[in-house]
Structures are given as C-alpha cells and as structure tokens.
N, C-alpha and C. Protein backbone atom coordinates (compact mmCIF):
# COMPACT_ATOMS: atom_id res chain seq x y z
N MET A 1 111.30 80.10 116.99
CA MET A 1 111.18 80.71 118.23
C MET A 1 112.00 80.03 119.39
N GLY A 2 111.89 78.78 119.22
CA GLY A 2 112.79 77.95 120.24
C GLY A 2 114.16 78.16 119.78
N GLU A 3 114.54 78.28 118.69
CA GLU A 3 116.13 78.36 118.45
C GLU A 3 116.66 79.66 118.88
N ILE A 4 115.84 80.63 118.74
CA ILE A 4 116.01 82.11 119.40
C ILE A 4 115.96 82.05 120.87
N LEU A 5 115.24 81.34 121.52
CA LEU A 5 115.30 81.26 122.86
C LEU A 5 116.67 80.59 123.29
N TYR A 6 116.69 79.27 122.84
CA TYR A 6 117.85 78.55 123.03
C TYR A 6 119.30 79.25 122.85
N LYS A 7 119.49 80.15 121.59
CA LYS A 7 120.74 80.69 121.41
C LYS A 7 121.03 81.85 122.35
N SER A 8 120.00 82.47 122.91
CA SER A 8 120.07 83.67 123.65
C SER A 8 120.02 83.33 125.06
N SER A 9 120.24 81.92 125.36
CA SER A 9 120.49 81.54 126.84
C SER A 9 119.32 82.04 127.77
N ILE A 10 118.09 82.25 127.48
CA ILE A 10 116.97 82.58 128.01
C ILE A 10 116.68 81.17 128.87
N SER A 11 116.91 80.13 128.12
CA SER A 11 116.47 78.84 128.61
C SER A 11 117.30 78.36 130.05
N THR A 12 118.57 78.78 129.90
CA THR A 12 119.47 78.73 130.98
C THR A 12 119.03 79.55 132.13
N ARG A 13 118.92 80.77 131.75
CA ARG A 13 118.37 81.75 133.01
C ARG A 13 117.15 81.28 133.37
N LEU A 14 116.16 80.84 132.61
CA LEU A 14 114.79 80.44 133.14
C LEU A 14 115.10 79.23 134.19
N LEU A 15 115.64 78.36 133.68
CA LEU A 15 115.86 77.20 134.86
C LEU A 15 116.54 77.51 136.04
N ASN A 16 117.69 78.50 136.08
CA ASN A 16 118.51 79.20 137.11
C ASN A 16 117.27 79.63 138.02
N GLY A 17 116.54 80.43 137.39
CA GLY A 17 115.68 81.30 138.18
C GLY A 17 114.43 80.24 138.85
N LEU A 18 114.19 79.39 138.21
CA LEU A 18 113.17 78.44 138.79
C LEU A 18 113.83 77.19 139.67
N LYS A 19 115.03 77.04 139.73
CA LYS A 19 115.63 76.00 140.42
C LYS A 19 115.31 76.33 141.94
N PRO A 20 115.68 77.40 142.46
CA PRO A 20 115.60 77.42 143.84
C PRO A 20 113.93 77.42 144.36
N TRP A 21 112.93 77.76 143.23
CA TRP A 21 111.62 77.23 143.80
C TRP A 21 111.08 76.03 143.72
N LEU A 22 111.75 75.38 142.80
CA LEU A 22 111.29 74.11 142.57
C LEU A 22 112.18 72.90 143.22
N ALA A 23 113.15 73.36 143.89
CA ALA A 23 113.99 72.32 144.30
C ALA A 23 113.51 71.35 145.35
N TYR A 24 112.44 71.76 146.30
CA TYR A 24 111.68 71.03 147.30
C TYR A 24 110.79 70.25 146.68
N ILE A 25 110.09 70.23 145.48
CA ILE A 25 109.33 69.45 144.81
C ILE A 25 109.74 68.17 144.32
N PRO A 26 109.46 67.04 144.67
CA PRO A 26 109.85 65.85 143.73
C PRO A 26 109.87 66.00 142.30
N GLY A 27 110.81 65.80 141.61
CA GLY A 27 110.86 66.18 140.13
C GLY A 27 111.68 67.20 139.61
N GLY A 28 111.45 68.21 140.74
CA GLY A 28 112.25 69.40 140.45
C GLY A 28 111.85 70.26 139.13
N LEU A 29 112.98 70.43 138.44
CA LEU A 29 112.91 71.33 137.25
C LEU A 29 112.16 70.63 136.04
N LEU A 30 111.72 69.19 136.34
CA LEU A 30 111.04 68.54 135.26
C LEU A 30 109.62 69.02 135.07
N HIS A 31 109.18 69.72 136.10
CA HIS A 31 107.91 70.50 136.06
C HIS A 31 107.94 71.43 135.15
N VAL A 32 109.11 72.02 134.65
CA VAL A 32 109.05 73.12 133.81
C VAL A 32 108.59 72.76 132.32
N ASN A 33 108.93 71.70 132.15
CA ASN A 33 108.44 70.76 130.80
C ASN A 33 106.84 71.25 130.75
N VAL A 34 106.44 70.64 131.76
CA VAL A 34 104.85 70.62 131.81
C VAL A 34 104.07 72.01 131.78
N ALA A 35 104.60 72.67 132.59
CA ALA A 35 104.07 74.49 132.69
C ALA A 35 104.48 74.99 131.63
N ALA A 36 105.87 74.86 130.79
CA ALA A 36 106.25 75.44 129.74
C ALA A 36 105.31 75.19 128.54
N CYS A 37 104.91 73.78 128.36
CA CYS A 37 103.91 73.21 127.28
C CYS A 37 102.69 73.84 127.34
N SER A 38 102.24 74.04 128.84
CA SER A 38 100.82 74.54 129.04
C SER A 38 100.82 75.73 128.50
N LEU A 39 101.74 76.75 129.05
CA LEU A 39 101.72 78.10 128.72
C LEU A 39 102.00 78.45 127.13
N PHE A 40 102.70 77.63 126.34
CA PHE A 40 103.21 77.79 125.18
C PHE A 40 101.87 77.18 124.33
N ALA A 41 101.20 76.18 124.74
CA ALA A 41 100.24 75.48 123.85
C ALA A 41 99.01 76.73 124.12
N ALA A 42 98.91 77.51 125.18
CA ALA A 42 98.01 78.35 125.22
C ALA A 42 98.10 79.61 124.15
N VAL A 43 99.39 79.85 123.99
CA VAL A 43 99.82 80.91 122.97
C VAL A 43 99.79 80.56 121.58
N SER A 44 100.30 79.40 121.31
CA SER A 44 100.34 78.95 119.89
C SER A 44 99.27 78.22 119.45
N GLY A 45 98.41 77.28 120.22
CA GLY A 45 97.47 76.65 119.81
C GLY A 45 97.87 75.13 118.94
N SER A 46 99.08 75.14 118.87
CA SER A 46 99.68 74.16 118.01
C SER A 46 100.58 72.87 118.93
N SER A 47 100.12 71.69 118.89
CA SER A 47 101.08 70.75 119.79
C SER A 47 102.33 70.63 119.35
N ALA A 48 102.44 70.51 117.84
CA ALA A 48 104.03 70.10 117.20
C ALA A 48 104.76 71.54 117.56
N ALA A 49 104.24 72.49 117.38
CA ALA A 49 105.10 73.80 117.70
C ALA A 49 105.57 73.95 119.12
N THR A 50 104.45 73.57 120.17
CA THR A 50 104.75 73.45 121.49
C THR A 50 105.81 72.57 121.84
N THR A 51 105.74 71.31 121.29
CA THR A 51 106.74 70.26 121.58
C THR A 51 107.95 70.84 121.10
N ALA A 52 108.23 71.21 119.88
CA ALA A 52 109.41 71.43 119.40
C ALA A 52 110.13 72.71 120.00
N THR A 53 109.33 73.80 120.53
CA THR A 53 109.93 74.77 121.02
C THR A 53 110.49 74.61 122.26
N VAL A 54 109.55 73.90 123.13
CA VAL A 54 109.86 73.77 124.72
C VAL A 54 110.90 72.69 124.42
N GLY A 55 110.74 71.56 123.88
CA GLY A 55 111.99 70.67 123.71
C GLY A 55 113.43 71.20 123.32
N LYS A 56 113.26 72.19 122.48
CA LYS A 56 114.76 72.98 122.35
C LYS A 56 115.18 73.53 123.12
N ILE A 57 114.37 74.13 124.11
CA ILE A 57 114.55 74.86 125.45
C ILE A 57 115.17 74.33 126.34
N THR A 58 114.30 73.10 126.87
CA THR A 58 114.48 72.46 127.95
C THR A 58 115.57 71.18 127.97
N LEU A 59 115.28 70.26 126.96
CA LEU A 59 115.80 68.96 126.90
C LEU A 59 117.34 69.11 127.34
N ASP A 60 118.17 69.99 126.58
CA ASP A 60 119.42 69.74 126.74
C ASP A 60 119.87 70.39 128.32
N GLU A 61 119.24 71.53 128.65
CA GLU A 61 119.48 71.82 129.89
C GLU A 61 119.30 71.02 131.08
N LEU A 62 118.08 70.22 131.09
CA LEU A 62 117.74 69.19 131.80
C LEU A 62 118.80 68.09 131.90
N GLU A 63 119.16 67.70 130.78
CA GLU A 63 120.14 66.58 130.78
C GLU A 63 121.47 67.02 131.34
N LYS A 64 121.82 68.16 131.20
CA LYS A 64 123.21 68.87 131.52
C LYS A 64 123.13 68.93 133.32
N ARG A 65 121.88 69.01 133.70
CA ARG A 65 121.71 69.26 135.41
C ARG A 65 121.64 67.86 136.06
N GLY A 66 121.54 66.81 135.22
CA GLY A 66 121.55 65.50 135.75
C GLY A 66 120.32 64.76 135.65
N TYR A 67 119.26 65.44 135.01
CA TYR A 67 117.77 64.74 134.94
C TYR A 67 118.07 63.59 134.00
N SER A 68 117.13 62.46 134.28
CA SER A 68 116.86 61.42 133.36
C SER A 68 116.51 61.59 131.97
N LYS A 69 117.26 61.42 130.96
CA LYS A 69 116.57 61.86 129.77
C LYS A 69 115.38 61.34 129.44
N SER A 70 114.96 60.12 129.67
CA SER A 70 113.76 59.36 129.48
C SER A 70 112.63 60.20 130.10
N ILE A 71 112.71 60.52 131.21
CA ILE A 71 111.62 61.12 131.87
C ILE A 71 111.47 62.51 131.54
N ALA A 72 112.39 63.30 131.12
CA ALA A 72 112.38 64.54 130.51
C ALA A 72 111.79 64.43 129.10
N MET A 73 112.11 63.68 128.25
CA MET A 73 111.44 63.55 127.07
C MET A 73 109.97 62.91 127.25
N GLY A 74 109.71 61.91 128.11
CA GLY A 74 108.25 61.62 128.40
C GLY A 74 107.46 62.87 128.82
N SER A 75 107.78 63.60 129.74
CA SER A 75 107.23 64.88 130.00
C SER A 75 106.83 65.68 129.10
N LEU A 76 107.94 65.88 128.27
CA LEU A 76 107.64 66.84 127.20
C LEU A 76 106.81 66.24 125.95
N ALA A 77 106.75 65.00 125.80
CA ALA A 77 105.80 64.45 124.86
C ALA A 77 104.62 64.20 125.39
N GLY A 78 104.26 64.06 126.67
CA GLY A 78 103.03 64.19 127.14
C GLY A 78 102.40 65.52 127.16
N ALA A 79 103.27 66.34 127.96
CA ALA A 79 102.69 67.66 128.04
C ALA A 79 102.54 68.48 126.63
N GLY A 80 103.35 68.04 125.64
CA GLY A 80 103.18 68.80 124.30
C GLY A 80 102.14 68.45 123.69
N THR A 81 101.23 67.50 124.12
CA THR A 81 99.98 67.35 123.42
C THR A 81 98.68 68.19 124.16
N LEU A 82 99.17 68.80 125.11
CA LEU A 82 98.22 69.83 125.58
C LEU A 82 97.78 70.81 124.52
N GLY A 83 98.31 71.06 123.46
CA GLY A 83 98.05 72.13 122.70
C GLY A 83 96.71 71.65 121.90
N PHE A 84 96.32 70.68 122.00
CA PHE A 84 95.03 69.99 121.58
C PHE A 84 93.88 70.73 122.30
N LEU A 85 94.11 70.50 123.55
CA LEU A 85 93.07 71.08 124.51
C LEU A 85 93.04 72.35 124.91
N ILE A 86 94.08 72.91 125.39
CA ILE A 86 94.23 74.22 125.91
C ILE A 86 94.15 75.30 124.85
N PRO A 87 92.87 76.18 124.90
CA PRO A 87 92.78 77.25 123.97
C PRO A 87 93.97 78.18 123.98
N PRO A 88 94.03 78.71 122.60
CA PRO A 88 93.32 78.43 121.30
C PRO A 88 93.73 77.55 120.46
N SER A 89 93.14 76.12 120.49
CA SER A 89 93.68 74.98 119.89
C SER A 89 93.41 74.92 118.35
N LEU A 90 94.24 74.92 117.56
CA LEU A 90 93.82 74.88 116.05
C LEU A 90 93.05 73.72 115.71
N ILE A 91 93.13 72.80 116.30
CA ILE A 91 92.35 71.43 116.03
C ILE A 91 90.82 71.99 116.31
N MET A 92 90.65 72.56 117.50
CA MET A 92 89.31 72.99 117.82
C MET A 92 88.85 73.93 116.84
N ILE A 93 89.50 74.98 116.26
CA ILE A 93 89.17 75.89 115.36
C ILE A 93 88.65 75.12 114.12
N ILE A 94 89.42 74.26 113.55
CA ILE A 94 89.04 73.72 112.46
C ILE A 94 87.91 72.72 112.62
N TYR A 95 87.68 72.11 113.84
CA TYR A 95 86.50 71.19 114.10
C TYR A 95 85.48 72.24 114.01
N GLY A 96 85.33 73.30 114.88
CA GLY A 96 84.29 74.04 115.12
C GLY A 96 83.90 74.68 113.68
N VAL A 97 84.73 75.07 112.78
CA VAL A 97 84.33 75.66 111.65
C VAL A 97 83.58 74.48 110.51
N LEU A 98 84.34 73.26 110.89
CA LEU A 98 83.76 72.15 109.92
C LEU A 98 82.52 71.75 110.40
N ALA A 99 82.22 71.45 111.69
CA ALA A 99 81.10 71.15 112.31
C ALA A 99 80.08 72.15 112.49
N ASP A 100 80.39 73.19 112.39
CA ASP A 100 79.57 74.34 112.67
C ASP A 100 79.10 74.12 114.05
N VAL A 101 80.17 74.41 114.92
CA VAL A 101 80.01 74.20 116.43
C VAL A 101 80.72 75.71 117.08
N SER A 102 80.01 76.26 117.80
CA SER A 102 80.72 77.24 118.45
C SER A 102 82.04 76.98 118.93
N ILE A 103 83.00 77.72 118.44
CA ILE A 103 84.59 77.83 118.91
C ILE A 103 84.62 78.30 120.34
N GLY A 104 83.96 79.35 120.66
CA GLY A 104 84.01 79.76 122.07
C GLY A 104 83.50 78.57 122.96
N LYS A 105 82.61 77.91 122.57
CA LYS A 105 82.12 76.79 123.83
C LYS A 105 83.28 75.67 123.53
N LEU A 106 83.78 75.37 122.63
CA LEU A 106 84.94 74.46 122.31
C LEU A 106 86.01 74.82 123.17
N PHE A 107 86.47 76.32 123.25
CA PHE A 107 87.64 76.61 123.97
C PHE A 107 87.30 76.60 125.60
N VAL A 108 85.91 76.72 125.72
CA VAL A 108 85.69 76.62 127.36
C VAL A 108 85.82 75.21 127.90
N ALA A 109 85.12 74.30 126.86
CA ALA A 109 85.12 72.87 127.07
C ALA A 109 86.41 72.54 127.08
N GLY A 110 87.71 72.93 126.46
CA GLY A 110 88.70 72.27 126.53
C GLY A 110 89.82 72.91 127.67
N LEU A 111 89.39 74.01 128.21
CA LEU A 111 90.31 74.71 129.23
C LEU A 111 90.51 73.72 130.53
N LEU A 112 89.42 73.36 131.10
CA LEU A 112 89.50 72.65 132.35
C LEU A 112 90.10 71.17 132.26
N PRO A 113 89.77 70.36 131.31
CA PRO A 113 90.65 69.22 131.10
C PRO A 113 92.04 69.37 130.42
N GLY A 114 92.42 70.45 129.69
CA GLY A 114 93.73 70.62 129.53
C GLY A 114 94.60 71.08 130.65
N LEU A 115 93.99 71.98 131.63
CA LEU A 115 94.55 72.32 132.91
C LEU A 115 94.68 70.90 133.97
N LEU A 116 93.64 70.26 133.94
CA LEU A 116 93.62 69.16 134.87
C LEU A 116 94.84 68.02 134.36
N LEU A 117 94.73 67.75 133.03
CA LEU A 117 95.72 66.91 132.48
C LEU A 117 97.32 67.43 132.83
N ALA A 118 97.45 68.51 132.74
CA ALA A 118 98.89 69.08 133.24
C ALA A 118 99.14 68.81 134.64
N THR A 119 98.10 69.16 135.39
CA THR A 119 98.31 68.70 136.86
C THR A 119 98.59 67.20 137.16
N LEU A 120 97.85 66.40 136.21
CA LEU A 120 98.03 64.96 136.67
C LEU A 120 99.47 64.62 136.08
N TYR A 121 100.12 65.39 135.02
CA TYR A 121 101.40 65.05 134.37
C TYR A 121 102.30 65.59 135.58
N SER A 122 102.21 66.35 136.21
CA SER A 122 103.09 67.00 137.31
C SER A 122 103.03 65.99 138.38
N PHE A 123 101.82 65.37 138.96
CA PHE A 123 101.62 64.43 139.87
C PHE A 123 102.39 63.14 139.50
N TYR A 124 102.34 63.00 138.19
CA TYR A 124 103.15 61.67 137.79
C TYR A 124 104.59 61.60 137.91
N ILE A 125 105.12 63.04 137.45
CA ILE A 125 106.44 63.26 137.76
C ILE A 125 107.01 63.17 139.19
N MET A 126 106.15 63.73 140.06
CA MET A 126 106.41 63.73 141.51
C MET A 126 106.33 62.07 141.99
N ALA A 127 105.13 61.48 141.52
CA ALA A 127 105.43 60.19 141.93
C ALA A 127 106.63 59.16 141.19
N ALA A 128 107.03 59.53 139.98
CA ALA A 128 108.03 58.90 139.56
C ALA A 128 109.27 59.22 139.99
N ALA A 129 109.44 60.42 140.46
CA ALA A 129 110.70 60.60 141.36
C ALA A 129 110.87 60.18 142.90
N LYS A 130 109.60 60.16 143.38
CA LYS A 130 109.78 59.01 144.61
C LYS A 130 109.95 57.84 144.42
N ILE A 131 109.52 57.07 143.54
CA ILE A 131 109.56 55.98 143.40
C ILE A 131 111.09 55.67 142.91
N ASP A 132 111.50 56.33 141.86
CA ASP A 132 112.88 56.09 141.47
C ASP A 132 113.73 57.45 141.49
N PRO A 133 114.33 57.60 142.61
CA PRO A 133 115.15 58.86 142.60
C PRO A 133 116.16 59.15 141.70
N SER A 134 116.59 58.24 141.02
CA SER A 134 117.67 58.46 139.82
C SER A 134 117.11 59.18 138.56
N VAL A 135 115.79 59.71 138.85
CA VAL A 135 115.23 60.53 137.55
C VAL A 135 115.68 61.97 137.74
N GLU A 136 116.01 62.19 139.01
CA GLU A 136 116.50 63.83 139.13
C GLU A 136 117.92 63.55 139.65
N PRO A 137 118.56 64.80 139.76
CA PRO A 137 119.94 64.89 140.51
C PRO A 137 120.00 64.29 141.78
N GLU A 138 121.11 63.63 142.05
CA GLU A 138 121.14 63.05 143.29
C GLU A 138 121.46 64.13 144.63
N ILE A 139 122.25 65.26 144.10
CA ILE A 139 122.49 66.21 145.31
C ILE A 139 121.16 67.05 145.21
N LYS A 140 120.47 67.06 146.41
CA LYS A 140 119.59 68.23 146.64
C LYS A 140 119.95 69.41 147.22
N GLU A 141 119.71 70.53 146.59
CA GLU A 141 120.31 71.83 147.07
C GLU A 141 119.15 72.44 147.79
N THR A 142 119.56 73.18 149.00
CA THR A 142 118.68 73.92 149.71
C THR A 142 118.87 75.33 149.41
N PHE A 143 117.88 76.27 149.31
CA PHE A 143 117.92 77.86 149.08
C PHE A 143 117.35 78.33 150.10
N THR A 144 117.88 79.61 150.47
CA THR A 144 117.65 80.58 151.53
C THR A 144 116.44 81.43 150.93
N TRP A 145 115.64 82.27 151.63
CA TRP A 145 114.82 82.96 151.03
C TRP A 145 115.41 84.02 150.06
N SER A 146 116.58 84.71 150.53
CA SER A 146 117.32 85.75 149.92
C SER A 146 117.64 85.09 148.55
N GLN A 147 118.16 83.87 148.45
CA GLN A 147 118.53 83.24 147.24
C GLN A 147 117.41 83.17 146.37
N LYS A 148 116.09 82.67 147.04
CA LYS A 148 114.93 82.81 146.06
C LYS A 148 114.47 83.95 145.44
N LEU A 149 114.77 84.92 146.40
CA LEU A 149 114.44 86.39 145.67
C LEU A 149 115.27 86.87 144.67
N ALA A 150 116.54 86.43 144.91
CA ALA A 150 117.84 86.85 144.12
C ALA A 150 117.30 86.18 142.66
N SER A 151 116.93 84.96 142.61
CA SER A 151 116.79 84.32 141.54
C SER A 151 115.52 84.95 140.51
N LEU A 152 114.84 85.61 141.17
CA LEU A 152 113.77 86.15 140.60
C LEU A 152 114.18 87.29 139.20
N LYS A 153 115.31 87.67 139.47
CA LYS A 153 116.25 88.48 138.24
C LYS A 153 116.01 87.61 136.75
N ASP A 154 116.13 86.46 136.83
CA ASP A 154 116.50 85.67 136.08
C ASP A 154 115.23 85.22 135.19
N LEU A 155 114.10 85.51 135.92
CA LEU A 155 112.74 85.22 135.57
C LEU A 155 112.14 86.33 135.00
N LEU A 156 112.61 87.49 135.03
CA LEU A 156 111.94 88.54 134.30
C LEU A 156 111.94 88.74 133.00
N PRO A 157 113.03 88.32 132.36
CA PRO A 157 112.89 88.32 130.93
C PRO A 157 111.82 87.50 130.20
C-alpha cells in the first residue's frame, strides 16, 4: 500500500495540500507523521504496517523539503507504535482472545491513551522545533486564505 501511494505521488500532493495549513505550527509537516500514523494505525491495527507504510510515504518527502532526517525518523518511530493502542489493535485482539477479556472494552481502554500519546508526540515536535530551529526548513512561508483554500484540492484524493 505504501509503495502504491509513493509511486502515485499522492504523498507529494498530501504534503503540498497540508503545507499551507501547518506552516505556522512549529515543526510544520513533521506533524503529518504523527497524524498519518494515528489514522493508519486505526485502519490497520498493526504497528509494523503503519510504520512501513507511513515511512514510505513521508520520509523522502520531508527530507527533500529540508526537515531533519533524525526528527522525521524519530516522529515516525514513536508514532508508529500507536498501532498497539489505537483500535483495532491486533495485539488487543490476540490478548482479548487468549485472556478471555472483552475486546470491545480493550478497544475503548486503548483509544484515549492512544490519542493522548499522539498529542504528546506533536507537542514534543513543537518543543524540539522551538529549541532547535534546524529541524525544519529555514525559510518560513506565509500563505493567504485563497492559497489555503486552493491547497484543499490536493487533499481530496
């Protein structure tokens, strides 16, 4: 799936569409790793699949745009683990079956911690960007509302 998304240039369009909306937030497009991992973890339930897919989509693009490779990989490695917490987690399903525990209750119990952890990862990225401005591109672009609205066409697919 990651290879298809990468080859079809959807990743480039995704980052181009999000750039005007995230330009004012410290860390900018690095937050895409956290958001994409959170969403993909909710779909796949697998941390390994999440990390591989999102990594294939975002790492090259972030490096091309001037983001620090170490923080891009760190945000991916950290947020990639959200597949264990955010339902439908394969680990929770296996645990629920083996321990005879309600899988629905496990899913409910994992949702809030997973979202809280994703939020904390984003706060860490913001703090890291404030402390060390070299983790993101030096040139900060500003966008008008018309440019922001025009960028939404890249987000639709």
